[in-house]
C-alpha atoms as a PDB file:
ATOM      1  CA  UNK A   1      26.470 -33.300  37.747  1.00  0.00           C
ATOM      2  CA  UNK A   2      22.639 -32.137  36.870  1.00  0.00           C
ATOM      3  CA  UNK A   3      22.499 -31.043  33.709  1.00  0.00           C
ATOM      4  CA  UNK A   4      19.151 -29.781  33.258  1.00  0.00           C
ATOM      5  CA  UNK A   5      20.327 -27.263  36.435  1.00  0.00           C
ATOM      6  CA  UNK A   6      22.872 -26.486  34.829  1.00  0.00           C
ATOM      7  CA  UNK A   7      20.621 -25.327  31.242  1.00  0.00           C
ATOM      8  CA  UNK A   8      18.010 -23.873  33.356  1.00  0.00           C
ATOM      9  CA  UNK A   9      19.360 -20.329  33.461  1.00  0.00           C
ATOM     10  CA  UNK A  10      20.148 -20.280  29.799  1.00  0.00           C
ATOM     11  CA  UNK A  11      16.468 -21.734  29.102  1.00  0.00           C
ATOM     12  CA  UNK A  12      15.412 -19.001  31.584  1.00  0.00           C
ATOM     13  CA  UNK A  13      18.012 -16.453  29.442  1.00  0.00           C
ATOM     14  CA  UNK A  14      16.444 -17.436  26.152  1.00  0.00           C
ATOM     15  CA  UNK A  15      13.099 -17.123  27.418  1.00  0.00           C
ATOM     16  CA  UNK A  16      13.549 -14.268  28.750  1.00  0.00           C
ATOM     17  CA  UNK A  17      14.992 -12.719  25.202  1.00  0.00           C
ATOM     18  CA  UNK A  18      11.902 -14.394  22.961  1.00  0.00           C
ATOM     19  CA  UNK A  19       9.281 -12.700  25.376  1.00  0.00           C
ATOM     20  CA  UNK A  20      11.079  -9.201  24.469  1.00  0.00           C
ATOM     21  CA  UNK A  21      11.159 -10.174  21.128  1.00  0.00           C
ATOM     22  CA  UNK A  22       7.870 -10.911  21.680  1.00  0.00           C
ATOM     23  CA  UNK A  23       6.908  -7.453  23.031  1.00  0.00           C
ATOM     24  CA  UNK A  24       9.020  -4.911  20.697  1.00  0.00           C
ATOM     25  CA  UNK A  25       7.718  -7.287  17.364  1.00  0.00           C
ATOM     26  CA  UNK A  26       4.305  -5.978  18.540  1.00  0.00           C
ATOM     27  CA  UNK A  27       4.939  -2.448  19.666  1.00  0.00           C
ATOM     28  CA  UNK A  28       6.535  -2.165  15.868  1.00  0.00           C
ATOM     29  CA  UNK A  29       3.098  -3.899  14.813  1.00  0.00           C
ATOM     30  CA  UNK A  30       1.105  -1.351  17.033  1.00  0.00           C
ATOM     31  CA  UNK A  31       2.557   1.642  17.016  1.00  0.00           C
ATOM     32  CA  UNK A  32       2.820   2.053  13.732  1.00  0.00           C
ATOM     33  CA  UNK A  33       1.004   4.747  12.537  1.00  0.00           C
ATOM     34  CA  UNK A  34      -2.838   4.129  12.302  1.00  0.00           C
ATOM     35  CA  UNK A  35      -4.678   5.066   8.953  1.00  0.00           C
ATOM     36  CA  UNK A  36      -6.315   8.376  10.421  1.00  0.00           C
ATOM     37  CA  UNK A  37      -2.757   9.806  11.442  1.00  0.00           C
ATOM     38  CA  UNK A  38      -2.475   9.671   7.812  1.00  0.00           C
ATOM     39  CA  UNK A  39      -5.020  12.079   6.795  1.00  0.00           C
ATOM     40  CA  UNK A  40      -4.313  14.518   9.233  1.00  0.00           C
ATOM     41  CA  UNK A  41      -6.928  17.845   9.334  1.00  0.00           C
ATOM     42  CA  UNK A  42      -8.090  16.407   6.193  1.00  0.00           C
ATOM     43  CA  UNK A  43     -11.838  16.288   6.494  1.00  0.00           C
ATOM     44  CA  UNK A  44     -12.548  12.305   7.025  1.00  0.00           C
ATOM     45  CA  UNK A  45     -14.256   9.408   8.597  1.00  0.00           C
ATOM     46  CA  UNK A  46     -12.913   6.764  10.405  1.00  0.00           C
ATOM     47  CA  UNK A  47     -14.321   3.235   8.971  1.00  0.00           C
ATOM     48  CA  UNK A  48     -14.048  -0.651   9.155  1.00  0.00           C
ATOM     49  CA  UNK A  49     -15.110  -3.214   7.295  1.00  0.00           C
ATOM     50  CA  UNK A  50     -14.434  -7.061   7.250  1.00  0.00           C
ATOM     51  CA  UNK A  51     -12.031  -8.621   4.984  1.00  0.00           C
ATOM     52  CA  UNK A  52     -13.106 -10.666   1.844  1.00  0.00           C
ATOM     53  CA  UNK A  53     -11.717 -14.238   4.422  1.00  0.00           C
ATOM     54  CA  UNK A  54     -13.567 -12.766   7.216  1.00  0.00           C
ATOM     55  CA  UNK A  55     -10.533 -13.017   9.622  1.00  0.00           C
ATOM     56  CA  UNK A  56      -9.991  -9.689  10.721  1.00  0.00           C
ATOM     57  CA  UNK A  57     -11.984  -6.428  10.517  1.00  0.00           C
ATOM     58  CA  UNK A  58      -9.606  -3.730   8.653  1.00  0.00           C
ATOM     59  CA  UNK A  59      -9.542  -0.088   9.970  1.00  0.00           C
ATOM     60  CA  UNK A  60      -9.623   2.845   7.634  1.00  0.00           C
ATOM     61  CA  UNK A  61     -10.219   6.424   6.722  1.00  0.00           C
ATOM     62  CA  UNK A  62     -12.834   7.706   4.201  1.00  0.00           C
ATOM     63  CA  UNK A  63     -11.867  11.435   2.250  1.00  0.00           C
ATOM     64  CA  UNK A  64     -14.874  11.769   0.768  1.00  0.00           C
ATOM     65  CA  UNK A  65     -14.743  13.951  -2.377  1.00  0.00           C
ATOM     66  CA  UNK A  66     -18.556  14.995  -2.226  1.00  0.00           C
ATOM     67  CA  UNK A  67     -22.165  13.924  -3.640  1.00  0.00           C
ATOM     68  CA  UNK A  68     -21.050  14.293  -7.310  1.00  0.00           C
ATOM     69  CA  UNK A  69     -17.930  12.001  -6.595  1.00  0.00           C
ATOM     70  CA  UNK A  70     -18.327   8.334  -8.755  1.00  0.00           C
ATOM     71  CA  UNK A  71     -14.973   6.896  -8.339  1.00  0.00           C
ATOM     72  CA  UNK A  72     -12.673   6.344  -5.184  1.00  0.00           C
ATOM     73  CA  UNK A  73      -9.276   4.478  -4.823  1.00  0.00           C
ATOM     74  CA  UNK A  74      -8.069   2.512  -2.166  1.00  0.00           C
ATOM     75  CA  UNK A  75      -4.505   4.209  -0.865  1.00  0.00           C
ATOM     76  CA  UNK A  76      -2.994   0.747   0.760  1.00  0.00           C
ATOM     77  CA  UNK A  77      -0.610   1.360   3.232  1.00  0.00           C
ATOM     78  CA  UNK A  78       2.394  -1.048   3.200  1.00  0.00           C
ATOM     79  CA  UNK A  79       4.637  -2.125   5.910  1.00  0.00           C
ATOM     80  CA  UNK A  80       6.538  -0.482   8.572  1.00  0.00           C
ATOM     81  CA  UNK A  81       8.460   2.391   6.860  1.00  0.00           C
ATOM     82  CA  UNK A  82       6.962   1.980   3.821  1.00  0.00           C
ATOM     83  CA  UNK A  83       4.739   5.204   2.818  1.00  0.00           C
ATOM     84  CA  UNK A  84       4.373   6.700   6.023  1.00  0.00           C
ATOM     85  CA  UNK A  85       3.481   3.372   7.951  1.00  0.00           C
ATOM     86  CA  UNK A  86       5.744   4.072  10.620  1.00  0.00           C
ATOM     87  CA  UNK A  87       5.350   7.414  12.392  1.00  0.00           C
ATOM     88  CA  UNK A  88       9.173   7.268  13.053  1.00  0.00           C
ATOM     89  CA  UNK A  89       9.824   7.837   9.625  1.00  0.00           C
ATOM     90  CA  UNK A  90       9.814  11.957   9.537  1.00  0.00           C
ATOM     91  CA  UNK A  91       7.642  13.251   6.369  1.00  0.00           C
ATOM     92  CA  UNK A  92       6.338  10.506   4.895  1.00  0.00           C
ATOM     93  CA  UNK A  93       3.061  10.254   6.713  1.00  0.00           C
ATOM     94  CA  UNK A  94       3.062  14.252   5.117  1.00  0.00           C
ATOM     95  CA  UNK A  95       3.788  12.880   1.565  1.00  0.00           C
ATOM     96  CA  UNK A  96       0.972  10.143   1.722  1.00  0.00           C
ATOM     97  CA  UNK A  97      -1.320  13.178   3.162  1.00  0.00           C
ATOM     98  CA  UNK A  98      -0.553  15.091   0.381  1.00  0.00           C
ATOM     99  CA  UNK A  99      -1.260  12.349  -2.489  1.00  0.00           C
ATOM    100  CA  UNK A 100      -4.830  11.848  -0.962  1.00  0.00           C
ATOM    101  CA  UNK A 101      -5.437  15.238  -1.012  1.00  0.00           C
ATOM    102  CA  UNK A 102      -4.691  15.484  -4.315  1.00  0.00           C
ATOM    103  CA  UNK A 103      -7.006  12.271  -5.281  1.00  0.00           C
ATOM    104  CA  UNK A 104      -9.959  13.640  -3.627  1.00  0.00           C
ATOM    105  CA  UNK A 105      -9.276  17.684  -4.953  1.00  0.00           C
ATOM    106  CA  UNK A 106     -10.072  15.764  -8.591  1.00  0.00           C
ATOM    107  CA  UNK A 107     -12.990  14.282  -7.482  1.00  0.00           C
ATOM    108  CA  UNK A 108     -11.941  10.939  -5.820  1.00  0.00           C
ATOM    109  CA  UNK A 109     -13.200   9.283  -3.126  1.00  0.00           C
ATOM    110  CA  UNK A 110     -10.133   8.164  -1.298  1.00  0.00           C
ATOM    111  CA  UNK A 111     -10.021   4.742   1.459  1.00  0.00           C
ATOM    112  CA  UNK A 112      -6.919   4.804   3.094  1.00  0.00           C
ATOM    113  CA  UNK A 113      -6.391   1.651   4.663  1.00  0.00           C
ATOM    114  CA  UNK A 114      -3.102  -0.188   6.372  1.00  0.00           C
ATOM    115  CA  UNK A 115      -2.654  -4.040   6.083  1.00  0.00           C
ATOM    116  CA  UNK A 116      -3.360  -6.194   9.108  1.00  0.00           C
ATOM    117  CA  UNK A 117       0.618  -7.854   7.952  1.00  0.00           C
ATOM    118  CA  UNK A 118       2.352  -8.567   5.201  1.00  0.00           C
ATOM    119  CA  UNK A 119       1.793 -11.605   2.940  1.00  0.00           C
ATOM    120  CA  UNK A 120      -0.438 -13.583  -0.023  1.00  0.00           C
ATOM    121  CA  UNK A 121      -3.614 -13.108   2.165  1.00  0.00           C
ATOM    122  CA  UNK A 122      -3.461  -9.562   2.837  1.00  0.00           C
ATOM    123  CA  UNK A 123      -5.404  -9.032  -1.168  1.00  0.00           C
ATOM    124  CA  UNK A 124      -7.927 -10.082   1.531  1.00  0.00           C
ATOM    125  CA  UNK A 125      -8.137  -6.670   3.033  1.00  0.00           C
ATOM    126  CA  UNK A 126      -7.882  -4.791  -0.135  1.00  0.00           C
ATOM    127  CA  UNK A 127     -10.910  -7.149  -1.321  1.00  0.00           C
ATOM    128  CA  UNK A 128     -12.175  -6.070   1.856  1.00  0.00           C
ATOM    129  CA  UNK A 129     -11.956  -2.291   0.928  1.00  0.00           C
ATOM    130  CA  UNK A 130     -13.602  -2.685  -2.749  1.00  0.00           C
ATOM    131  CA  UNK A 131     -16.217  -4.678  -1.173  1.00  0.00           C
ATOM    132  CA  UNK A 132     -16.718  -1.690   1.212  1.00  0.00           C
ATOM    133  CA  UNK A 133     -16.453   0.817  -1.770  1.00  0.00           C
ATOM    134  CA  UNK A 134     -19.281  -0.823  -3.698  1.00  0.00           C
ATOM    135  CA  UNK A 135     -21.627  -1.174  -0.755  1.00  0.00           C
ATOM    136  CA  UNK A 136     -20.752   2.847  -0.928  1.00  0.00           C
ATOM    137  CA  UNK A 137     -22.369   3.166  -3.671  1.00  0.00           C
ATOM    138  CA  UNK A 138     -19.473   3.061  -6.242  1.00  0.00           C
ATOM    139  CA  UNK A 139     -20.251   0.978  -9.174  1.00  0.00           C
ATOM    140  CA  UNK A 140     -17.890  -2.111 -10.418  1.00  0.00           C
ATOM    141  CA  UNK A 141     -15.385  -0.291 -12.919  1.00  0.00           C
ATOM    142  CA  UNK A 142     -15.248   2.924 -10.768  1.00  0.00           C
ATOM    143  CA  UNK A 143     -12.938   1.734  -8.366  1.00  0.00           C
ATOM    144  CA  UNK A 144      -8.657   1.926  -8.236  1.00  0.00           C
ATOM    145  CA  UNK A 145      -5.517   0.429  -6.284  1.00  0.00           C
ATOM    146  CA  UNK A 146      -2.637   2.025  -5.177  1.00  0.00           C
ATOM    147  CA  UNK A 147      -0.080   0.205  -3.183  1.00  0.00           C
ATOM    148  CA  UNK A 148       4.063   0.361  -2.551  1.00  0.00           C
ATOM    149  CA  UNK A 149       5.887  -2.505  -1.851  1.00  0.00           C
ATOM    150  CA  UNK A 150       4.053  -5.481  -0.347  1.00  0.00           C
ATOM    151  CA  UNK A 151       0.546  -3.122  -0.759  1.00  0.00           C
ATOM    152  CA  UNK A 152       1.417  -3.501  -4.607  1.00  0.00           C
ATOM    153  CA  UNK A 153       1.547  -6.718  -4.494  1.00  0.00           C
ATOM    154  CA  UNK A 154      -1.859  -7.024  -2.247  1.00  0.00           C
ATOM    155  CA  UNK A 155      -3.285  -4.448  -5.044  1.00  0.00           C
ATOM    156  CA  UNK A 156      -2.155  -6.528  -8.211  1.00  0.00           C
ATOM    157  CA  UNK A 157      -3.370  -9.841  -6.364  1.00  0.00           C
ATOM    158  CA  UNK A 158      -6.735  -8.199  -5.636  1.00  0.00           C
ATOM    159  CA  UNK A 159      -7.236  -6.714  -8.760  1.00  0.00           C
ATOM    160  CA  UNK A 160      -6.193 -10.205 -10.544  1.00  0.00           C
ATOM    161  CA  UNK A 161      -9.167 -11.371  -8.378  1.00  0.00           C
ATOM    162  CA  UNK A 162     -11.475  -8.580  -8.610  1.00  0.00           C
ATOM    163  CA  UNK A 163     -13.040  -7.493 -11.789  1.00  0.00           C
ATOM    164  CA  UNK A 164     -14.463  -4.072 -10.446  1.00  0.00           C
ATOM    165  CA  UNK A 165     -11.493  -3.117  -9.915  1.00  0.00           C
ATOM    166  CA  UNK A 166     -10.338  -0.996 -13.485  1.00  0.00           C
ATOM    167  CA  UNK A 167      -6.868   0.545 -12.374  1.00  0.00           C
ATOM    168  CA  UNK A 168      -4.137  -0.209 -10.343  1.00  0.00           C
ATOM    169  CA  UNK A 169      -0.443   1.926  -9.195  1.00  0.00           C
ATOM    170  CA  UNK A 170       1.785  -0.702  -8.044  1.00  0.00           C
ATOM    171  CA  UNK A 171       4.476   0.845  -6.875  1.00  0.00           C
ATOM    172  CA  UNK A 172       8.040  -1.230  -6.550  1.00  0.00           C
ATOM    173  CA  UNK A 173       6.383  -4.700  -6.137  1.00  0.00           C
ATOM    174  CA  UNK A 174       8.000  -7.343  -4.239  1.00  0.00           C
ATOM    175  CA  UNK A 175       8.657 -10.793  -5.802  1.00  0.00           C
ATOM    176  CA  UNK A 176       9.761 -14.696  -5.020  1.00  0.00           C
ATOM    177  CA  UNK A 177      13.509 -14.724  -4.882  1.00  0.00           C
ATOM    178  CA  UNK A 178      14.775 -17.279  -7.630  1.00  0.00           C
ATOM    179  CA  UNK A 179      16.722 -20.051  -5.493  1.00  0.00           C
ATOM    180  CA  UNK A 180      19.459 -19.661  -7.577  1.00  0.00           C
ATOM    181  CA  UNK A 181      19.990 -16.116  -6.455  1.00  0.00           C
ATOM    182  CA  UNK A 182      19.694 -16.047  -2.400  1.00  0.00           C
ATOM    183  CA  UNK A 183      22.280 -14.703  -0.748  1.00  0.00           C
ATOM    184  CA  UNK A 184      24.345 -17.148   2.223  1.00  0.00           C
ATOM    185  CA  UNK A 185      22.547 -15.566   5.244  1.00  0.00           C
ATOM    186  CA  UNK A 186      19.076 -16.496   3.821  1.00  0.00           C
ATOM    187  CA  UNK A 187      19.931 -20.024   5.119  1.00  0.00           C
ATOM    188  CA  UNK A 188      18.798 -18.484   8.491  1.00  0.00           C
ATOM    189  CA  UNK A 189      15.584 -17.705   6.893  1.00  0.00           C
ATOM    190  CA  UNK A 190      13.538 -20.862   8.207  1.00  0.00           C
ATOM    191  CA  UNK A 191      15.084 -20.435  11.639  1.00  0.00           C
ATOM    192  CA  UNK A 192      13.789 -16.007  11.112  1.00  0.00           C
ATOM    193  CA  UNK A 193      10.474 -17.667   9.319  1.00  0.00           C
ATOM    194  CA  UNK A 194       9.583 -19.996  12.345  1.00  0.00           C
ATOM    195  CA  UNK A 195      10.141 -17.266  15.178  1.00  0.00           C
ATOM    196  CA  UNK A 196       7.800 -14.940  13.492  1.00  0.00           C
ATOM    197  CA  UNK A 197       5.079 -17.064  13.304  1.00  0.00           C
ATOM    198  CA  UNK A 198       5.932 -18.261  16.950  1.00  0.00           C
ATOM    199  CA  UNK A 199       5.363 -14.803  18.266  1.00  0.00           C
ATOM    200  CA  UNK A 200       3.155 -12.625  15.908  1.00  0.00           C
ATOM    201  CA  UNK A 201       1.487 -15.147  13.420  1.00  0.00           C
ATOM    202  CA  UNK A 202       3.088 -13.119  10.984  1.00  0.00           C
ATOM    203  CA  UNK A 203       5.625 -15.291   8.034  1.00  0.00           C
ATOM    204  CA  UNK A 204       8.281 -12.965   7.393  1.00  0.00           C
ATOM    205  CA  UNK A 205       9.811 -15.053   5.003  1.00  0.00           C
ATOM    206  CA  UNK A 206       6.869 -15.714   2.645  1.00  0.00           C
ATOM    207  CA  UNK A 207       6.880 -13.727  -0.097  1.00  0.00           C
ATOM    208  CA  UNK A 208       3.294 -12.937  -2.122  1.00  0.00           C
ATOM    209  CA  UNK A 209       2.408 -14.449  -5.150  1.00  0.00           C
ATOM    210  CA  UNK A 210       1.651 -12.164  -8.044  1.00  0.00           C
ATOM    211  CA  UNK A 211      -1.288 -14.175  -8.953  1.00  0.00           C
ATOM    212  CA  UNK A 212      -2.412 -14.233 -12.392  1.00  0.00           C
ATOM    213  CA  UNK A 213      -1.051 -11.031 -13.748  1.00  0.00           C
ATOM    214  CA  UNK A 214      -2.309 -11.833 -17.140  1.00  0.00           C
ATOM    215  CA  UNK A 215      -5.622 -11.630 -16.331  1.00  0.00           C
ATOM    216  CA  UNK A 216      -4.698  -7.654 -16.141  1.00  0.00           C
ATOM    217  CA  UNK A 217      -3.582  -7.391 -19.455  1.00  0.00           C
ATOM    218  CA  UNK A 218      -7.553  -5.283 -20.273  1.00  0.00           C
ATOM    219  CA  UNK A 219      -7.364  -3.357 -17.508  1.00  0.00           C
ATOM    220  CA  UNK A 220      -4.952  -0.228 -16.395  1.00  0.00           C
ATOM    221  CA  UNK A 221      -1.810  -0.973 -14.826  1.00  0.00           C
ATOM    222  CA  UNK A 222       0.867   1.576 -14.266  1.00  0.00           C
ATOM    223  CA  UNK A 223       4.271   0.143 -12.271  1.00  0.00           C
ATOM    224  CA  UNK A 224       6.603   2.339 -10.893  1.00  0.00           C
ATOM    225  CA  UNK A 225       9.769   1.321  -9.821  1.00  0.00           C
ATOM    226  CA  UNK A 226      13.457   3.417  -8.817  1.00  0.00           C
ATOM    227  CA  UNK A 227      16.561   2.333 -10.803  1.00  0.00           C
ATOM    228  CA  UNK A 228      18.354   2.240  -7.858  1.00  0.00           C
ATOM    229  CA  UNK A 229      16.617   0.328  -5.719  1.00  0.00           C
ATOM    230  CA  UNK A 230      18.794  -2.494  -3.911  1.00  0.00           C
ATOM    231  CA  UNK A 231      16.013  -4.488  -2.171  1.00  0.00           C
ATOM    232  CA  UNK A 232      14.417  -5.112  -5.136  1.00  0.00           C
ATOM    233  CA  UNK A 233      15.866  -5.159  -8.346  1.00  0.00           C
ATOM    234  CA  UNK A 234      14.198  -2.820 -11.599  1.00  0.00           C
ATOM    235  CA  UNK A 235      14.046  -6.441 -13.617  1.00  0.00           C
ATOM    236  CA  UNK A 236      11.307  -7.494 -11.091  1.00  0.00           C
ATOM    237  CA  UNK A 237       9.321  -4.396 -12.174  1.00  0.00           C
ATOM    238  CA  UNK A 238       9.801  -5.152 -15.851  1.00  0.00           C
ATOM    239  CA  UNK A 239       8.694  -7.961 -15.519  1.00  0.00           C
ATOM    240  CA  UNK A 240       5.773  -7.619 -13.822  1.00  0.00           C
ATOM    241  CA  UNK A 241       4.931  -4.784 -16.050  1.00  0.00           C
ATOM    242  CA  UNK A 242       5.583  -7.226 -18.747  1.00  0.00           C
ATOM    243  CA  UNK A 243       3.117 -10.404 -17.480  1.00  0.00           C
ATOM    244  CA  UNK A 244       0.153  -7.677 -17.262  1.00  0.00           C
ATOM    245  CA  UNK A 245       0.880  -5.134 -20.142  1.00  0.00           C
ATOM    246  CA  UNK A 246       1.226  -2.577 -17.826  1.00  0.00           C
ATOM    247  CA  UNK A 247       3.097   1.048 -18.154  1.00  0.00           C
ATOM    248  CA  UNK A 248       6.235   1.005 -16.375  1.00  0.00           C
ATOM    249  CA  UNK A 249       7.859   4.102 -15.137  1.00  0.00           C
ATOM    250  CA  UNK A 250      11.205   3.931 -13.738  1.00  0.00           C
ATOM    251  CA  UNK A 251      12.476   6.624 -11.672  1.00  0.00           C
ATOM    252  CA  UNK A 252      15.559   8.083 -10.876  1.00  0.00           C
ATOM    253  CA  UNK A 253      14.989   6.919  -7.338  1.00  0.00           C
ATOM    254  CA  UNK A 254      17.585   5.610  -4.968  1.00  0.00           C
ATOM    255  CA  UNK A 255      15.368   3.618  -2.452  1.00  0.00           C
ATOM    256  CA  UNK A 256      12.769   1.070  -2.193  1.00  0.00           C
ATOM    257  CA  UNK A 257       9.187   2.483  -2.839  1.00  0.00           C
ATOM    258  CA  UNK A 258      11.006   6.100  -2.597  1.00  0.00           C
ATOM    259  CA  UNK A 259       9.662   7.987  -5.621  1.00  0.00           C
ATOM    260  CA  UNK A 260       6.645   9.324  -3.684  1.00  0.00           C
ATOM    261  CA  UNK A 261       9.094  10.906  -1.262  1.00  0.00           C
ATOM    262  CA  UNK A 262      12.010  11.790  -3.343  1.00  0.00           C
ATOM    263  CA  UNK A 263      10.095  13.651  -6.580  1.00  0.00           C
ATOM    264  CA  UNK A 264       6.870  14.377  -4.627  1.00  0.00           C
ATOM    265  CA  UNK A 265       5.285  16.459  -7.253  1.00  0.00           C
ATOM    266  CA  UNK A 266       6.499  14.540  -9.967  1.00  0.00           C
ATOM    267  CA  UNK A 267       5.104  11.354  -8.849  1.00  0.00           C
ATOM    268  CA  UNK A 268       1.712  13.041  -7.820  1.00  0.00           C
ATOM    269  CA  UNK A 269       1.428  14.267 -11.433  1.00  0.00           C
ATOM    270  CA  UNK A 270       2.113  10.816 -12.760  1.00  0.00           C
ATOM    271  CA  UNK A 271      -0.519   9.070 -10.420  1.00  0.00           C
ATOM    272  CA  UNK A 272      -3.284  11.221 -10.462  1.00  0.00           C
ATOM    273  CA  UNK A 273      -3.289  11.924 -14.070  1.00  0.00           C
ATOM    274  CA  UNK A 274      -3.341   8.065 -14.193  1.00  0.00           C
ATOM    275  CA  UNK A 275      -6.834   7.775 -12.280  1.00  0.00           C
ATOM    276  CA  UNK A 276      -8.469  10.270 -14.033  1.00  0.00           C
ATOM    277  CA  UNK A 277      -7.731   9.180 -17.194  1.00  0.00           C
ATOM    278  CA  UNK A 278      -8.723   5.346 -16.664  1.00  0.00           C
ATOM    279  CA  UNK A 279     -11.710   5.835 -14.117  1.00  0.00           C
ATOM    280  CA  UNK A 280     -14.790   8.252 -14.498  1.00  0.00           C
ATOM    281  CA  UNK A 281     -14.383  11.611 -12.430  1.00  0.00           C
ATOM    282  CA  UNK A 282     -16.899  14.264 -12.411  1.00  0.00           C
ATOM    283  CA  UNK A 283     -15.821  17.189 -13.813  1.00  0.00           C
ATOM    284  CA  UNK A 284     -15.363  20.163 -11.609  1.00  0.00           C
ATOM    285  CA  UNK A 285     -17.001  23.602 -12.424  1.00  0.00           C
ATOM    286  CA  UNK A 286     -14.932  26.275 -13.544  1.00  0.00           C
ATOM    287  CA  UNK A 287     -14.615  28.844 -11.038  1.00  0.00           C
ATOM    288  CA  UNK A 288     -17.316  31.995 -12.165  1.00  0.00           C
ATOM    289  CA  UNK A 289     -15.422  35.347 -10.945  1.00  0.00           C
ATOM    290  CA  UNK A 290     -17.991  37.893 -11.299  1.00  0.00           C
ATOM    291  CA  UNK A 291     -16.667  40.247 -13.769  1.00  0.00           C
ATOM    292  CA  UNK A 292     -15.849  44.246 -12.220  1.00  0.00           C
ATOM    293  CA  UNK A 293     -17.136  47.315 -14.342  1.00  0.00           C
ATOM    294  CA  UNK A 294     -14.259  48.198 -15.860  1.00  0.00           C
ATOM    295  CA  UNK A 295     -13.199  52.006 -15.201  1.00  0.00           C
ATOM    296  CA  UNK A 296     -13.832  55.024 -17.163  1.00  0.00           C
ATOM    297  CA  UNK A 297     -10.801  56.138 -18.960  1.00  0.00           C
ATOM    298  CA  UNK A 298     -10.179  59.959 -19.561  1.00  0.00           C
END
């Protein structure tokens, strides 16, 4: 019996399945909300710039706060389903737009940047955004970065490498999983990582290296984490905050990187005040209303 003929249908089915998986993964990557969609009707400008490693051009949206703006924040949109990067997650894009508008209303220019993928190399995308802002005239020490999940790791790694970044907000940063803490399901991770690299070039199992966090001790860092986060335990945030002498804000959120969506006004107040405290912000002129003559009283 010709075993090759028997295996041919199985091989064809596997090839078809891999092709469908590849198509699904590409749609998942490219149908996510691009940076311009995150800012809706706000006055903005689409820009692009090279990542610092020169391997990609990064698309972003610039929300300039005006000629008087002397500070800027890179708002990193993380992986699919996190912080509005997925159009199918209702309301999350609105929350990111609200955060961007709140920063700009305080005179801080915002550069909404979407990473090309997920992993350690994406720090080069954040560094490319910083290079762009420096070229636009923003001085070193006048730039902040905020990101969530893997975007938070990219922000921390970029700040550890680039002293021009003066302030970082890291929301729910991920970290390496110790070998002894791995679940039985992770036995299949090598196969998943191989398929991910084959189909999309993305290493699904790679955990970003957080870099030398000790170099951030002299700078302003705030770590945000939900107490009920089951994806990344709060102990990770505590370890990260301790490593870089950061301010730690543990919230009542029960989901991963969910504080922005679950407590929007409180989140915006904390984050905007943090950046206004640690970045030079041009004070807004008070609104002067012409005095009205008092009516004569009888």
